[in-house]
Amino acid sequence: MHLKIIKDPLFIRVLSGSFFAVAFVWVAVRFFGVDMAVIWVFLIMSGLLVGLLIIVAFFFSLILRLLRRRSGGLLDSIDANGHSSSEPSQNSLSETPGADDQGPPQRKS
């Protein structure tokens, strides 16, 4: 048996989260006299909330994937000169920075 799963950070988080959830319920029942019916409602509603969040995240990822696929991405529409592919390209020397303009930025003293 490989012990890699025990060293996995995700497994450690799930294990510690489960431990603290059980400890929370045990303290609520033992020391504060909370009814078990309240605990069952708490557990069921927590499970429903997590399930609902998973479903919402799934639909959001599908919508996001469709939007990204339809638009083609921002970087695809910009060529190497920084011009948009929808704009006509104008290659004039006045737009090209000179060699003196390309130096590193000067520090202010």
Protein backbone atom coordinates (compact mmCIF):
# COMPACT_ATOMS: atom_id res chain seq x y z
CA MET A 1 0.00 0.00 0.00
CA HIS A 2 1.32 3.40 -0.94
CA LEU A 3 1.32 6.06 1.73
CA LYS A 4 1.29 8.93 -0.78
CA ILE A 5 -2.39 9.60 -0.09
CA ILE A 6 -1.65 10.33 3.57
CA LYS A 7 0.88 13.02 2.60
CA ASP A 8 -1.44 14.63 0.05
CA PRO A 9 -2.45 18.15 1.24
CA LEU A 10 -6.00 17.75 -0.08
CA PHE A 11 -6.48 14.54 1.91
CA ILE A 12 -5.12 16.23 5.05
CA ARG A 13 -7.55 19.14 4.58
CA VAL A 14 -10.53 16.83 4.12
CA LEU A 15 -9.52 14.77 7.13
CA SER A 16 -8.98 17.77 9.39
CA GLY A 17 -12.20 19.43 8.18
CA SER A 18 -14.16 16.27 8.91
CA PHE A 19 -12.58 16.00 12.34
CA PHE A 20 -13.49 19.58 13.26
CA ALA A 21 -17.06 19.16 11.93
CA VAL A 22 -17.55 16.06 14.09
CA ALA A 23 -16.02 17.87 17.08
CA PHE A 24 -18.38 20.83 16.51
CA VAL A 25 -21.45 18.57 16.48
CA TRP A 26 -20.23 16.60 19.51
CA VAL A 27 -19.62 19.80 21.55
CA ALA A 28 -23.04 21.16 20.54
CA VAL A 29 -24.83 18.00 21.66
CA ARG A 30 -22.76 17.24 24.75
CA PHE A 31 -22.22 20.64 26.35
CA PHE A 32 -25.01 22.87 24.98
CA GLY A 33 -27.88 20.38 24.95
CA VAL A 34 -28.81 20.81 21.28
CA ASP A 35 -31.47 18.36 20.09
CA MET A 36 -30.43 15.71 17.61
CA ALA A 37 -33.26 16.88 15.32
CA VAL A 38 -31.54 20.25 15.02
CA ILE A 39 -28.23 18.54 14.26
CA TRP A 40 -29.86 16.40 11.52
CA VAL A 41 -31.43 19.49 9.94
CA PHE A 42 -28.04 21.23 10.12
CA LEU A 43 -26.29 18.28 8.42
CA ILE A 44 -28.95 17.87 5.72
CA MET A 45 -29.04 21.58 4.91
CA SER A 46 -25.24 21.71 4.81
CA GLY A 47 -25.20 18.82 2.35
CA LEU A 48 -27.85 20.50 0.21
CA LEU A 49 -25.90 23.75 0.20
CA VAL A 50 -22.70 22.02 -0.90
CA GLY A 51 -24.59 20.11 -3.61
CA LEU A 52 -26.26 23.28 -4.85
CA LEU A 53 -22.92 25.10 -4.99
CA ILE A 54 -21.42 22.22 -7.02
CA ILE A 55 -24.30 22.40 -9.51
CA VAL A 56 -24.04 26.19 -9.83
CA ALA A 57 -20.26 25.94 -10.36
CA PHE A 58 -20.79 23.29 -13.04
CA PHE A 59 -23.26 25.46 -14.98
CA PHE A 60 -21.03 28.52 -14.56
CA SER A 61 -18.06 26.61 -15.99
CA LEU A 62 -20.16 25.51 -18.99
CA ILE A 63 -21.30 29.08 -19.66
CA LEU A 64 -17.76 30.40 -19.29
CA ARG A 65 -16.43 27.75 -21.67
CA LEU A 66 -19.07 28.66 -24.28
CA LEU A 67 -18.27 32.37 -23.98
CA ARG A 68 -14.54 31.78 -24.37
CA ARG A 69 -15.02 29.49 -27.35
CA ARG A 70 -17.37 31.93 -29.11
CA SER A 71 -15.23 35.04 -28.68
CA GLY A 72 -11.99 33.41 -29.84
CA GLY A 73 -9.97 35.08 -27.11
CA LEU A 74 -8.53 38.55 -26.84
CA LEU A 75 -4.98 37.68 -27.80
CA ASP A 76 -6.02 36.04 -31.07
CA SER A 77 -7.46 39.32 -32.34
CA ILE A 78 -4.31 41.38 -31.67
CA ASP A 79 -1.35 41.09 -34.02
CA ALA A 80 2.33 41.46 -33.14
CA ASN A 81 2.31 45.25 -33.62
CA GLY A 82 -0.45 45.75 -31.07
CA HIS A 83 -3.12 46.50 -33.66
CA SER A 84 -6.52 44.89 -33.57
CA SER A 85 -7.20 42.57 -36.50
CA SER A 86 -10.48 44.43 -37.12
CA GLU A 87 -8.62 47.74 -37.61
CA PRO A 88 -6.75 48.40 -40.85
CA SER A 89 -3.03 48.18 -40.25
CA GLN A 90 -1.09 51.39 -40.93
CA ASN A 91 2.63 50.88 -41.21
CA SER A 92 4.13 54.33 -40.95
CA LEU A 93 7.49 55.22 -39.51
CA SER A 94 5.99 57.92 -37.30
CA GLU A 95 4.25 55.26 -35.16
CA THR A 96 7.40 53.22 -34.64
CA PRO A 97 9.39 54.35 -31.60
CA GLY A 98 12.99 55.32 -32.21
CA ALA A 99 16.00 53.58 -30.73
CA ASP A 100 16.38 56.37 -28.15
CA ASP A 101 12.83 55.84 -26.87
CA GLN A 102 13.37 52.18 -26.03
CA GLY A 103 15.80 52.61 -23.14
CA PRO A 104 15.05 51.50 -19.60
CA PRO A 105 12.93 53.85 -17.50
CA GLN A 106 14.90 56.38 -15.48
CA ARG A 107 14.67 56.40 -11.68
CA LYS A 108 13.60 59.59 -9.95
CA SER A 109 16.02 60.76 -7.29
